[in-house]
N, C-alpha and C. Protein backbone atom coordinates (compact mmCIF):
# COMPACT_ATOMS: atom_id res chain seq x y z
N MET A 1 46.16 176.17 57.09
CA MET A 1 47.02 177.00 58.27
C MET A 1 47.45 177.81 58.19
N SER A 2 47.53 179.33 58.69
CA SER A 2 48.38 180.15 58.86
C SER A 2 50.14 179.96 57.85
N ASP A 3 50.28 180.90 57.38
CA ASP A 3 51.79 181.10 57.18
C ASP A 3 52.63 182.18 58.07
N TYR A 4 51.65 182.17 59.40
CA TYR A 4 52.63 182.93 60.57
C TYR A 4 52.73 182.20 61.67
N LEU A 5 53.44 181.98 62.34
CA LEU A 5 53.80 181.16 63.26
C LEU A 5 55.06 181.38 64.07
N GLN A 6 54.73 181.85 65.29
CA GLN A 6 56.29 182.13 66.41
C GLN A 6 55.73 181.64 67.73
N LEU A 7 57.53 180.86 67.48
CA LEU A 7 57.39 180.47 69.47
C LEU A 7 58.71 181.56 69.70
N GLY A 8 58.44 182.18 71.07
CA GLY A 8 59.79 182.68 71.16
C GLY A 8 60.28 183.78 70.20
N PRO A 9 61.78 183.28 69.94
CA PRO A 9 62.35 184.09 69.10
C PRO A 9 62.41 183.44 67.58
N VAL A 10 61.71 182.71 67.83
CA VAL A 10 61.96 181.15 66.33
C VAL A 10 60.82 181.64 65.49
N THR A 11 60.42 182.36 64.19
CA THR A 11 59.70 182.26 63.29
C THR A 11 59.82 181.17 62.19
N PHE A 12 58.77 180.58 62.31
CA PHE A 12 58.49 178.84 61.34
C PHE A 12 58.33 179.41 60.36
N GLN A 13 58.99 178.93 59.02
CA GLN A 13 58.64 179.38 57.81
C GLN A 13 58.74 177.87 57.03
N ASP A 14 58.42 178.02 55.45
CA ASP A 14 58.79 177.23 54.62
C ASP A 14 57.99 175.36 55.51
N PHE A 15 58.98 174.79 55.46
CA PHE A 15 58.53 172.92 55.81
C PHE A 15 58.42 173.12 57.43
N GLU A 16 58.90 174.18 57.77
CA GLU A 16 58.38 174.55 59.45
C GLU A 16 56.59 174.82 59.74
N LEU A 17 56.99 175.27 58.81
CA LEU A 17 54.87 175.28 59.20
C LEU A 17 53.96 174.18 59.29
N PRO A 18 53.71 173.67 59.94
CA PRO A 18 52.78 172.75 60.03
C PRO A 18 51.24 172.85 59.58
N THR A 19 50.61 171.67 58.81
CA THR A 19 49.54 171.70 58.23
C THR A 19 48.14 172.19 59.27
N ARG A 20 48.65 171.71 60.53
CA ARG A 20 47.48 171.68 61.90
C ARG A 20 47.80 171.93 63.09
N ILE A 21 47.71 172.69 63.61
CA ILE A 21 47.96 173.01 65.17
C ILE A 21 46.70 172.67 66.02
N ARG A 22 46.90 171.77 66.88
CA ARG A 22 45.75 171.22 67.94
C ARG A 22 46.13 172.19 69.23
N PHE A 23 44.67 172.52 69.68
CA PHE A 23 44.72 173.30 70.76
C PHE A 23 43.38 172.83 71.48
N GLY A 24 42.72 173.62 72.45
CA GLY A 24 41.47 173.35 72.78
C GLY A 24 41.65 172.91 74.75
N GLY A 25 41.22 171.91 74.94
CA GLY A 25 41.17 171.48 76.29
C GLY A 25 39.77 171.50 77.10
N GLN A 26 39.60 171.14 77.92
CA GLN A 26 38.58 170.80 78.71
C GLN A 26 38.05 171.73 80.39
N GLN A 27 36.98 171.59 80.55
CA GLN A 27 36.31 172.20 81.47
C GLN A 27 36.66 171.42 82.55
N ARG A 28 37.42 171.97 83.85
CA ARG A 28 37.45 170.70 85.25
C ARG A 28 36.05 171.20 85.86
N LEU A 29 35.44 170.04 86.24
CA LEU A 29 33.91 169.80 86.43
C LEU A 29 33.96 168.79 87.65
N ALA A 30 32.77 169.07 88.50
CA ALA A 30 33.52 168.74 90.13
C ALA A 30 31.59 168.14 89.54
N VAL A 31 31.40 166.93 89.99
CA VAL A 31 30.05 166.61 89.65
C VAL A 31 29.26 165.55 91.00
N HIS A 32 28.51 166.06 91.67
CA HIS A 32 27.72 165.54 92.29
C HIS A 32 26.45 164.87 92.20
N MET A 33 26.34 163.30 92.14
CA MET A 33 25.17 162.40 92.64
C MET A 33 24.30 163.19 92.99
N LEU A 34 23.19 162.88 92.64
CA LEU A 34 21.72 162.77 94.05
C LEU A 34 20.99 161.74 93.91
N PRO A 35 20.68 161.56 94.85
CA PRO A 35 19.19 160.81 94.65
C PRO A 35 18.35 161.13 93.74
N GLY A 36 18.03 159.66 92.97
CA GLY A 36 17.53 159.47 91.39
C GLY A 36 17.82 159.51 90.70
N GLY A 37 18.93 160.13 90.68
CA GLY A 37 19.78 160.32 89.46
C GLY A 37 20.16 161.88 88.56
N ALA A 38 20.08 162.49 89.65
CA ALA A 38 19.95 164.14 89.43
C ALA A 38 21.77 164.19 90.05
N ARG A 39 22.06 165.44 89.23
CA ARG A 39 23.72 165.55 89.32
C ARG A 39 23.59 166.84 89.39
N VAL A 40 24.51 167.63 90.29
CA VAL A 40 24.66 168.82 90.27
C VAL A 40 26.33 169.25 89.82
N ILE A 41 26.57 169.81 88.86
CA ILE A 41 27.78 169.71 88.34
C ILE A 41 28.50 171.21 88.66
N ASP A 42 29.68 171.44 89.53
CA ASP A 42 30.24 172.83 89.65
C ASP A 42 31.40 172.83 88.23
N ALA A 43 31.52 174.07 87.84
CA ALA A 43 32.41 174.06 86.74
C ALA A 43 33.58 175.06 87.71
N MET A 44 34.82 174.07 87.28
CA MET A 44 36.50 174.00 88.35
C MET A 44 37.23 175.24 87.87
N GLY A 45 36.57 175.72 86.05
CA GLY A 45 37.66 176.39 85.89
C GLY A 45 38.52 175.59 84.46
N ARG A 46 39.03 176.33 83.44
CA ARG A 46 39.36 176.03 81.94
C ARG A 46 40.65 175.12 82.58
N ASP A 47 41.22 174.07 81.58
CA ASP A 47 42.05 173.26 81.87
C ASP A 47 42.45 173.17 80.21
N ASP A 48 43.63 173.81 80.13
CA ASP A 48 44.02 173.83 78.92
C ASP A 48 44.73 172.84 78.10
N ALA A 49 44.31 172.05 77.11
CA ALA A 49 45.12 170.83 77.09
C ALA A 49 46.66 171.37 76.26
N ASP A 50 47.63 170.42 75.80
CA ASP A 50 49.19 170.82 75.02
C ASP A 50 48.53 171.11 74.04
N ILE A 51 49.52 172.49 73.48
CA ILE A 51 49.62 172.59 71.93
C ILE A 51 50.62 171.87 71.23
N GLY A 52 50.30 171.38 70.16
CA GLY A 52 51.17 170.85 69.20
C GLY A 52 51.00 170.85 68.02
N TRP A 53 52.28 170.79 67.25
CA TRP A 53 52.53 170.55 65.80
C TRP A 53 53.53 169.61 65.49
N SER A 54 53.95 169.51 64.30
CA SER A 54 54.98 168.99 63.54
C SER A 54 55.17 169.81 62.03
N GLY A 55 56.98 169.50 61.73
CA GLY A 55 57.12 169.74 60.65
C GLY A 55 58.06 169.52 60.42
N ALA A 56 59.52 170.26 59.62
CA ALA A 56 60.72 170.01 59.46
C ALA A 56 61.14 171.41 58.56
N PHE A 57 62.42 171.16 59.62
CA PHE A 57 63.51 172.29 59.13
C PHE A 57 64.42 172.01 58.07
N SER A 58 64.56 173.05 57.23
CA SER A 58 64.76 172.64 55.89
C SER A 58 66.26 173.43 55.78
N GLY A 59 67.00 173.56 54.60
CA GLY A 59 68.12 174.27 54.34
C GLY A 59 69.33 174.60 54.83
N PRO A 60 70.44 174.83 54.61
CA PRO A 60 70.91 175.34 55.46
C PRO A 60 71.79 175.13 56.78
N ASP A 61 71.03 175.92 57.31
CA ASP A 61 70.49 176.02 59.08
C ASP A 61 69.68 175.34 59.34
N ALA A 62 69.25 173.95 59.03
CA ALA A 62 68.13 173.27 59.64
C ALA A 62 68.57 172.53 60.57
N ALA A 63 69.59 172.13 60.78
CA ALA A 63 69.94 171.68 62.26
C ALA A 63 70.44 172.81 63.20
N ASP A 64 70.73 173.55 62.91
CA ASP A 64 71.14 174.88 63.45
C ASP A 64 69.88 175.43 64.74
N ARG A 65 68.97 175.37 63.46
CA ARG A 65 67.87 175.94 63.90
C ARG A 65 66.75 174.80 64.90
N ALA A 66 66.88 173.80 64.60
CA ALA A 66 66.45 172.52 65.44
C ALA A 66 67.05 172.76 66.98
N ARG A 67 68.25 173.11 66.98
CA ARG A 67 69.37 172.81 68.28
C ARG A 67 68.97 173.94 68.96
N GLY A 68 68.72 175.07 68.50
CA GLY A 68 67.93 176.27 69.05
C GLY A 68 66.68 176.04 69.52
N LEU A 69 65.79 175.77 68.76
CA LEU A 69 65.01 175.08 69.59
C LEU A 69 64.89 174.38 70.62
N ASP A 70 65.70 173.37 70.54
CA ASP A 70 66.08 171.87 71.75
C ASP A 70 66.54 172.83 72.51
N LEU A 71 67.52 174.09 72.88
CA LEU A 71 68.02 174.74 73.91
C LEU A 71 66.91 175.56 74.48
N MET A 72 65.88 175.88 73.79
CA MET A 72 64.75 176.80 74.26
C MET A 72 64.17 175.54 75.50
N ARG A 73 64.09 174.34 75.07
CA ARG A 73 62.90 173.17 75.55
C ARG A 73 64.32 173.33 76.73
N SER A 74 65.46 173.00 76.66
CA SER A 74 66.06 172.62 77.81
C SER A 74 65.78 173.64 78.92
N GLN A 75 65.90 174.89 78.54
CA GLN A 75 66.20 176.25 79.48
C GLN A 75 64.58 176.27 80.06
N GLY A 76 63.90 175.49 79.91
CA GLY A 76 62.01 175.24 80.71
C GLY A 76 61.34 176.43 80.76
N ALA A 77 61.77 178.00 80.00
CA ALA A 77 61.19 179.30 80.15
C ALA A 77 59.98 179.22 79.25
N ALA A 78 59.37 180.23 80.25
CA ALA A 78 57.88 180.75 79.41
C ALA A 78 58.28 181.47 77.92
N TRP A 79 57.50 181.09 76.55
CA TRP A 79 57.63 181.85 75.71
C TRP A 79 56.63 182.41 75.06
N THR A 80 56.60 183.20 74.18
CA THR A 80 55.11 183.41 73.46
C THR A 80 54.93 183.15 72.81
N LEU A 81 53.65 182.05 72.10
CA LEU A 81 53.64 181.22 71.09
C LEU A 81 52.27 181.98 70.03
N ALA A 82 52.01 182.39 68.90
CA ALA A 82 51.20 183.30 68.27
C ALA A 82 50.82 182.76 66.89
N TRP A 83 49.84 182.67 66.34
CA TRP A 83 49.44 182.38 65.02
C TRP A 83 48.21 182.91 65.01
N GLU A 84 48.04 183.59 63.82
CA GLU A 84 46.23 184.42 63.65
C GLU A 84 46.34 184.99 64.48
N ALA A 85 44.95 184.78 65.22
CA ALA A 85 44.59 185.76 66.27
C ALA A 85 44.79 184.67 67.12
N PHE A 86 45.39 183.70 67.79
CA PHE A 86 45.71 183.01 68.70
C PHE A 86 47.54 183.59 69.41
N CYS A 87 47.50 183.58 70.65
CA CYS A 87 48.69 184.28 71.46
C CYS A 87 48.42 183.49 72.61
N TYR A 88 49.43 182.53 73.18
CA TYR A 88 50.07 181.97 74.62
C TYR A 88 51.09 182.16 74.93
N LEU A 89 51.13 182.41 76.68
CA LEU A 89 52.32 181.80 77.38
C LEU A 89 52.15 180.61 77.51
N VAL A 90 53.54 180.01 76.50
CA VAL A 90 53.79 178.26 76.87
C VAL A 90 54.95 177.81 77.37
N VAL A 91 55.11 177.01 77.98
CA VAL A 91 56.32 176.15 78.11
C VAL A 91 57.05 175.24 76.97
N ILE A 92 58.06 174.91 76.80
CA ILE A 92 57.62 173.89 75.92
C ILE A 92 58.28 172.18 76.78
N ALA A 93 57.42 171.52 76.36
CA ALA A 93 57.14 170.27 77.34
C ALA A 93 57.59 168.90 76.21
N SER A 94 57.89 169.08 75.12
CA SER A 94 58.78 168.61 74.60
C SER A 94 59.01 168.54 73.57
N PHE A 95 60.35 168.21 72.91
CA PHE A 95 60.52 168.47 71.38
C PHE A 95 61.10 167.77 71.16
N ASP A 96 60.71 166.97 70.15
CA ASP A 96 61.32 165.42 69.56
C ASP A 96 61.81 165.69 67.75
N ALA A 97 63.15 165.70 67.25
CA ALA A 97 64.00 165.98 66.16
C ALA A 97 64.49 164.63 65.39
N ALA A 98 64.19 164.42 64.40
CA ALA A 98 64.99 163.84 63.67
C ALA A 98 66.20 163.86 62.64
N TYR A 99 67.31 163.47 63.04
CA TYR A 99 69.09 164.27 62.08
C TYR A 99 68.41 163.34 61.04
N GLU A 100 67.70 163.97 59.90
CA GLU A 100 68.25 162.47 58.63
C GLU A 100 69.14 163.39 57.78
N HIS A 101 69.12 164.71 57.72
CA HIS A 101 70.68 165.24 56.87
C HIS A 101 70.89 166.50 57.16
N SER A 102 72.07 167.08 56.86
CA SER A 102 72.14 168.47 57.35
C SER A 102 71.47 169.58 56.84
N ASN A 103 70.62 169.37 55.91
CA ASN A 103 69.45 170.48 55.54
C ASN A 103 67.98 169.88 55.58
N TRP A 104 67.53 168.54 56.27
CA TRP A 104 66.82 168.19 56.59
C TRP A 104 66.61 167.51 58.41
N VAL A 105 65.55 168.24 58.99
CA VAL A 105 65.33 167.85 60.31
C VAL A 105 63.97 167.93 60.58
N PRO A 106 62.89 166.73 60.41
CA PRO A 106 61.85 166.37 61.32
C PRO A 106 61.97 166.89 62.27
N TYR A 107 60.22 167.39 62.92
CA TYR A 107 60.28 167.47 64.14
C TYR A 107 58.84 167.59 65.00
N LYS A 108 58.62 167.22 65.93
CA LYS A 108 57.48 167.12 66.66
C LYS A 108 57.54 168.07 67.87
N ILE A 109 56.85 168.72 68.06
CA ILE A 109 57.11 169.58 69.35
C ILE A 109 55.38 169.62 70.22
N SER A 110 55.71 169.67 71.25
CA SER A 110 54.45 170.26 72.63
C SER A 110 54.75 171.16 73.01
N CYS A 111 53.54 172.07 73.94
CA CYS A 111 54.23 173.06 74.31
C CYS A 111 52.71 173.57 75.47
N LYS A 112 53.11 173.65 76.98
CA LYS A 112 52.24 173.62 77.61
C LYS A 112 51.91 174.93 78.28
N VAL A 113 50.95 174.90 78.27
CA VAL A 113 49.60 176.49 78.02
C VAL A 113 50.11 176.73 80.01
N VAL A 114 50.57 178.22 79.92
CA VAL A 114 50.56 178.80 81.24
C VAL A 114 49.45 180.05 80.87
N ARG A 115 49.21 180.55 80.05
CA ARG A 115 48.22 181.12 79.96
C ARG A 115 47.46 181.56 78.56
N ASP A 116 46.39 181.83 78.40
CA ASP A 116 45.65 182.47 77.27
C ASP A 116 45.70 183.96 77.34
N LEU A 117 46.67 184.98 76.43
CA LEU A 117 47.29 186.00 76.26
C LEU A 117 46.20 186.48 75.26
N ALA A 118 45.30 186.13 74.60
CA ALA A 118 44.35 186.74 73.51
C ALA A 118 43.30 186.37 74.47
N GLN A 119 42.90 186.39 75.70
CA GLN A 119 41.75 186.26 76.01
C GLN A 119 41.55 187.44 76.86
N SER A 120 40.83 188.12 76.57
CA SER A 120 40.82 189.98 77.31
C SER A 120 39.98 189.64 78.76
N PRO A 121 40.68 190.00 79.66
CA PRO A 121 40.19 189.93 81.22
C PRO A 121 39.78 191.14 81.15
N SER A 122 39.30 192.22 80.41
CA SER A 122 38.17 193.26 80.51
C SER A 122 36.44 192.76 81.11
N SER A 123 36.41 191.50 80.35
CA SER A 123 35.13 190.78 80.59
C SER A 123 35.30 190.33 82.24
N LEU A 124 36.16 190.12 82.14
CA LEU A 124 36.39 189.16 83.69
C LEU A 124 36.35 190.34 85.47
N VAL A 125 36.87 191.63 84.96
CA VAL A 125 36.51 192.08 86.02
C VAL A 125 35.85 193.91 85.75
N PRO A 126 35.99 194.38 86.53
CA PRO A 126 34.84 195.40 86.51
C PRO A 126 35.66 197.23 85.66
N SER A 127 36.93 196.90 85.90
CA SER A 127 37.83 198.26 85.65
C SER A 127 38.17 197.72 84.70
N VAL A 128 38.41 198.25 83.18
CA VAL A 128 39.33 197.87 82.23
C VAL A 128 40.95 198.82 82.51
N ALA A 129 40.62 200.19 83.60
CA ALA A 129 42.02 200.67 83.94
C ALA A 129 42.18 199.67 84.75
N THR A 130 42.04 199.24 85.71
CA THR A 130 42.87 198.32 86.51
C THR A 130 43.85 197.62 86.18
N ASP A 131 42.89 196.76 84.76
CA ASP A 131 44.04 195.16 84.13
C ASP A 131 44.82 195.92 83.24
N VAL A 132 44.49 196.88 82.58
CA VAL A 132 45.51 197.63 81.91
C VAL A 132 46.87 197.99 82.74
N LEU A 133 46.76 198.36 84.06
CA LEU A 133 47.45 199.30 84.29
C LEU A 133 48.40 198.19 85.08
N ALA A 134 47.49 197.06 85.50
CA ALA A 134 48.45 195.62 86.14
C ALA A 134 49.17 194.98 84.78
N ASP A 135 48.39 194.89 83.80
CA ASP A 135 49.42 194.67 82.66
C ASP A 135 50.86 195.37 82.70
N ILE A 136 50.85 196.63 82.53
CA ILE A 136 51.72 197.57 82.41
C ILE A 136 52.86 197.59 83.41
N ALA A 137 52.00 197.38 84.61
CA ALA A 137 53.44 197.01 85.60
C ALA A 137 53.94 195.36 85.69
N ALA A 138 53.53 194.80 84.86
CA ALA A 138 54.12 193.62 84.59
C ALA A 138 55.11 193.49 83.77
N VAL A 139 55.35 194.25 82.28
CA VAL A 139 56.15 194.85 81.80
C VAL A 139 57.63 194.30 82.25
N GLY A 140 57.58 195.34 83.59
CA GLY A 140 59.51 194.68 84.02
C GLY A 140 60.31 195.05 83.00
N VAL A 141 60.67 194.46 82.10
CA VAL A 141 62.00 195.16 81.68
C VAL A 141 62.37 195.90 80.85
N ILE A 142 61.08 196.77 80.55
CA ILE A 142 61.25 198.05 79.43
C ILE A 142 60.38 199.11 80.45
N ASP A 143 61.09 199.92 80.22
CA ASP A 143 60.76 201.33 81.21
C ASP A 143 59.17 202.14 80.80
N THR A 144 58.14 201.97 81.47
CA THR A 144 56.85 201.95 81.26
C THR A 144 56.22 203.15 81.60
N THR A 145 56.93 204.16 82.07
CA THR A 145 56.85 205.55 82.84
C THR A 145 56.11 206.19 81.43
N ALA A 146 56.60 205.95 80.44
CA ALA A 146 55.53 207.25 79.69
C ALA A 146 53.76 206.52 79.39
N ALA A 147 54.18 205.22 78.75
CA ALA A 147 52.76 204.44 79.00
C ALA A 147 51.83 204.76 80.39
N VAL A 148 52.47 205.12 81.60
CA VAL A 148 51.67 205.36 82.37
C VAL A 148 51.02 206.11 82.56
N ALA A 149 51.84 207.37 82.37
CA ALA A 149 51.32 208.70 82.06
C ALA A 149 50.44 209.39 81.51
N ALA A 150 50.83 208.61 80.06
CA ALA A 150 49.79 208.77 78.92
C ALA A 150 48.32 207.99 79.41
N LEU A 151 48.28 206.83 79.95
CA LEU A 151 46.69 205.97 80.78
C LEU A 151 46.46 207.06 81.65
N GLY A 152 47.22 207.74 82.70
CA GLY A 152 46.36 208.48 83.50
C GLY A 152 46.36 209.87 83.24
N MET A 153 45.99 210.11 81.45
CA MET A 153 45.44 211.37 80.91
C MET A 153 43.94 211.33 81.25
N ALA A 154 43.39 212.44 81.16
CA ALA A 154 41.84 212.63 81.39
C ALA A 154 41.24 211.74 79.92
N GLY A 155 40.58 211.34 79.47
CA GLY A 155 39.96 210.72 78.05
C GLY A 155 40.60 209.68 77.68
N ALA A 156 41.82 209.07 78.37
CA ALA A 156 42.92 207.84 77.99
C ALA A 156 41.50 206.61 77.74
N LEU A 157 40.49 206.58 78.37
CA LEU A 157 40.11 205.48 78.06
C LEU A 157 38.35 205.47 77.18
N SER A 158 38.76 206.76 76.48
CA SER A 158 37.50 207.26 75.97
C SER A 158 37.69 207.38 74.45
N PRO A 159 37.89 206.36 73.69
CA PRO A 159 37.71 206.13 72.04
C PRO A 159 37.44 207.50 71.16
N GLY A 160 38.06 207.71 70.28
CA GLY A 160 37.55 209.06 69.91
C GLY A 160 38.90 210.39 70.20
N THR A 161 39.20 210.02 71.51
CA THR A 161 40.17 211.37 71.92
C THR A 161 40.93 211.66 71.52
N ALA A 162 42.05 212.52 71.49
CA ALA A 162 43.34 212.47 71.62
C ALA A 162 44.24 211.87 72.66
N ALA A 163 43.89 211.87 73.58
CA ALA A 163 44.67 210.84 74.93
C ALA A 163 44.32 209.94 74.70
N TYR A 164 42.95 209.35 74.14
CA TYR A 164 43.09 207.62 73.89
C TYR A 164 44.14 206.94 72.85
N ALA A 165 44.09 208.24 71.94
CA ALA A 165 45.34 207.82 70.76
C ALA A 165 46.93 207.85 71.29
N GLY A 166 46.54 208.85 71.85
CA GLY A 166 48.08 208.63 72.70
C GLY A 166 48.49 207.24 73.82
N ALA A 167 47.48 207.28 74.64
CA ALA A 167 47.49 205.86 75.08
C ALA A 167 47.82 204.82 74.44
N VAL A 168 46.82 204.42 73.05
CA VAL A 168 47.05 203.27 72.51
C VAL A 168 48.80 203.29 72.01
N GLY A 169 49.41 204.34 71.61
CA GLY A 169 50.38 204.64 70.59
C GLY A 169 51.55 204.46 71.92
N ALA A 170 51.19 204.74 72.93
CA ALA A 170 52.59 204.72 74.10
C ALA A 170 52.72 202.72 74.62
N VAL A 171 51.22 202.31 74.57
CA VAL A 171 51.05 200.97 74.63
C VAL A 171 51.83 200.52 73.53
N GLY A 172 51.72 200.49 72.45
CA GLY A 172 51.91 200.36 71.44
C GLY A 172 53.59 200.32 71.02
N SER A 173 53.99 201.15 71.53
CA SER A 173 55.50 201.35 71.44
C SER A 173 56.26 200.35 72.46
N LEU A 174 55.35 200.08 73.70
CA LEU A 174 56.19 198.84 74.60
C LEU A 174 56.13 197.54 73.82
N ILE A 175 55.32 197.48 72.70
CA ILE A 175 55.46 196.18 72.32
C ILE A 175 56.60 195.83 71.22
N THR A 176 56.65 197.09 70.70
CA THR A 176 57.80 197.22 69.90
C THR A 176 59.02 196.82 70.51
N GLN A 177 59.01 197.74 71.36
CA GLN A 177 60.35 197.53 72.32
C GLN A 177 60.76 195.73 72.76
N ALA A 178 59.53 195.51 73.12
CA ALA A 178 59.81 194.33 73.51
C ALA A 178 60.25 193.75 72.38
N GLN A 179 59.64 193.53 71.04
CA GLN A 179 59.39 192.36 69.95
C GLN A 179 61.29 193.03 69.62
N ALA A 180 61.38 193.85 69.68
CA ALA A 180 62.87 194.46 69.33
C ALA A 180 64.23 193.64 70.10
N GLY A 181 63.75 193.78 71.45
CA GLY A 181 64.43 193.07 72.29
C GLY A 181 64.61 191.20 71.95
N ILE A 182 63.11 190.54 71.72
CA ILE A 182 62.99 189.24 71.50
C ILE A 182 63.87 189.36 70.77
N GLY A 183 64.17 190.12 69.23
CA GLY A 183 64.81 189.61 68.35
C GLY A 183 66.50 189.78 68.53
N SER A 184 66.86 190.90 69.71
CA SER A 184 68.28 190.52 69.64
C SER A 184 69.04 189.41 71.02
N ALA A 185 67.75 189.11 71.72
CA ALA A 185 68.08 188.48 72.72
C ALA A 185 68.28 186.83 72.18
N GLY A 186 67.32 186.58 70.99
CA GLY A 186 67.02 185.16 70.43
C GLY A 186 68.45 184.96 69.72
N GLY A 187 68.84 185.60 69.03
CA GLY A 187 70.11 186.38 68.26
C GLY A 187 71.53 185.68 69.29
N SER A 188 71.66 186.30 70.18
CA SER A 188 72.12 186.06 71.50
C SER A 188 72.58 184.57 71.86
N LEU A 189 71.03 183.91 71.74
CA LEU A 189 71.07 182.99 72.39
C LEU A 189 71.39 181.75 71.17
N LEU A 190 71.37 182.07 70.17
CA LEU A 190 71.42 181.06 69.27
C LEU A 190 73.02 181.00 68.71
N LYS A 191 73.52 182.27 69.24
CA LYS A 191 74.78 182.34 68.89
C LYS A 191 76.14 182.07 70.09
N ALA A 192 75.04 181.88 71.25
CA ALA A 192 75.87 181.44 72.64
C ALA A 192 77.24 180.00 72.15
N GLN A 193 77.97 180.57 73.12
CA GLN A 193 78.83 179.55 72.91
C GLN A 193 79.13 178.92 73.97
N ASP A 194 78.73 178.78 75.31
CA ASP A 194 78.70 178.59 76.86
C ASP A 194 77.72 178.74 77.31
N PRO A 195 77.29 177.81 78.28
CA PRO A 195 76.07 177.70 79.47
C PRO A 195 75.65 178.91 79.63
N ALA A 196 76.74 179.63 80.24
CA ALA A 196 76.72 180.84 80.76
C ALA A 196 75.78 181.87 80.18
N THR A 197 76.55 182.00 78.88
CA THR A 197 75.86 183.07 78.16
C THR A 197 74.65 182.49 77.58
N ALA A 198 74.30 181.17 77.49
CA ALA A 198 73.42 181.26 76.73
C ALA A 198 71.91 181.31 77.99
N ALA A 199 72.59 180.98 79.30
CA ALA A 199 71.41 181.44 80.09
C ALA A 199 70.80 182.86 80.43
N ALA A 200 72.37 183.51 80.20
CA ALA A 200 71.47 184.77 80.57
C ALA A 200 70.73 185.32 79.20
N ALA A 201 71.02 184.75 77.94
CA ALA A 201 70.49 185.45 76.78
C ALA A 201 68.96 184.89 76.68
N ALA A 202 69.06 183.74 77.23
CA ALA A 202 67.67 182.58 77.41
C ALA A 202 66.32 183.75 78.52
N GLY A 203 67.39 183.17 79.33
CA GLY A 203 66.84 184.72 80.51
C GLY A 203 66.23 186.42 80.19
N GLN A 204 66.69 186.80 79.30
CA GLN A 204 66.58 188.05 78.69
C GLN A 204 65.41 187.94 77.60
N LEU A 205 65.56 186.80 76.83
CA LEU A 205 64.68 186.62 75.99
C LEU A 205 63.39 186.09 76.75
N ALA A 206 63.08 185.38 78.13
CA ALA A 206 61.68 184.81 78.48
C ALA A 206 61.47 186.41 78.83
N ALA A 207 62.20 187.31 79.66
CA ALA A 207 61.80 188.64 80.20
C ALA A 207 61.28 189.77 78.94
N TYR A 208 61.52 189.45 77.94
CA TYR A 208 60.85 189.88 76.64
C TYR A 208 59.94 189.43 76.32
N ALA A 209 60.03 188.55 76.05
CA ALA A 209 58.51 187.55 75.72
C ALA A 209 57.01 187.90 76.51
N ASP A 210 57.81 187.74 77.70
CA ASP A 210 56.92 188.49 79.10
C ASP A 210 56.00 189.60 78.70
N ALA A 211 57.34 190.29 78.52
CA ALA A 211 56.90 191.85 78.40
C ALA A 211 55.71 192.27 76.91
N ASN A 212 55.92 191.13 76.16
CA ASN A 212 55.75 191.29 74.75
C ASN A 212 53.99 191.16 75.18
N GLY A 213 53.64 190.00 75.68
CA GLY A 213 52.49 189.49 76.40
C GLY A 213 51.44 190.34 77.05
N TYR A 214 52.32 190.64 77.93
CA TYR A 214 51.74 191.81 79.05
C TYR A 214 50.93 193.04 77.93
N ALA A 215 52.14 193.42 77.49
CA ALA A 215 51.47 194.55 76.70
C ALA A 215 50.69 194.63 75.39
N GLY A 216 51.05 193.47 74.67
CA GLY A 216 49.87 193.02 74.19
C GLY A 216 48.51 192.33 74.26
N ARG A 217 48.46 192.34 75.47
CA ARG A 217 47.09 192.07 75.84
C ARG A 217 46.75 193.48 76.79
N ALA A 218 47.35 194.38 77.56
CA ALA A 218 46.88 195.99 77.58
C ALA A 218 46.47 196.44 76.34
N LEU A 219 46.95 196.37 74.85
CA LEU A 219 46.56 197.06 73.77
C LEU A 219 45.33 196.14 73.43
N ALA A 220 45.16 194.78 73.51
CA ALA A 220 43.66 194.40 73.65
C ALA A 220 42.54 194.80 74.19
N ASN A 221 43.19 194.86 75.47
CA ASN A 221 41.79 195.82 76.34
C ASN A 221 41.50 197.02 75.84
N LEU A 222 42.20 197.47 75.15
CA LEU A 222 42.28 199.49 74.59
C LEU A 222 41.51 199.00 73.50
N ASP A 223 41.86 198.12 72.58
CA ASP A 223 40.98 198.17 71.25
C ASP A 223 39.76 197.54 71.76
N ASP A 224 39.22 197.05 72.58
CA ASP A 224 37.87 196.47 72.83
C ASP A 224 36.79 197.49 73.18
N LEU A 225 37.78 198.65 74.12
CA LEU A 225 36.48 199.63 74.49
C LEU A 225 36.01 200.40 72.87
N GLU A 226 36.63 200.23 72.15
CA GLU A 226 36.17 200.81 70.84
C GLU A 226 35.12 199.94 69.58
N ASP A 227 35.06 198.52 70.85
CA ASP A 227 33.59 197.60 70.22
C ASP A 227 32.22 198.10 70.45
């Protein structure tokens, strides 16, 4: 298992890291039975299974970290889930923790997939530029003026040019800003003392997580142009 796993503002560490993570799913199929036993099967699209794992929070802040994750579950917001080359936008479907000691809290978690952010959409539509700009427009919480301007430069989608390097740098800057926002809002959420403050911080955290996902997909599409 990877030593890197992040869900929203929570970076899992030590015993919190699982030995395995379940992922996958099904293809929704419409099966038409014809006379004589022949079949016609229509593929209706992906149906992602829930992503789940288990571990244990340890150390002096074990209970606080578990409570923070349970608060994320109760908010019902969408969060980015990332490890290795995997990146999803998910909602926490269930979180089950067992308080055994102040420094040992085993847990199980299951996440419902909203979308697979690691799947490049460039193969699904004819224009990479259209998809990159659509993702940048969806970032929302961060000022994207510089990124849009960089993508509008001649040669911005031609690897090896200065304009392409500028576009990659501008989109990468959006990711940096989004991750900084995730860290700040995540800290505010974990320190919140009342429901109103927690809700506001959770809203900001979800917005920055969304921004990180969209900007990350835009950068992945730009990177794919070099392949």
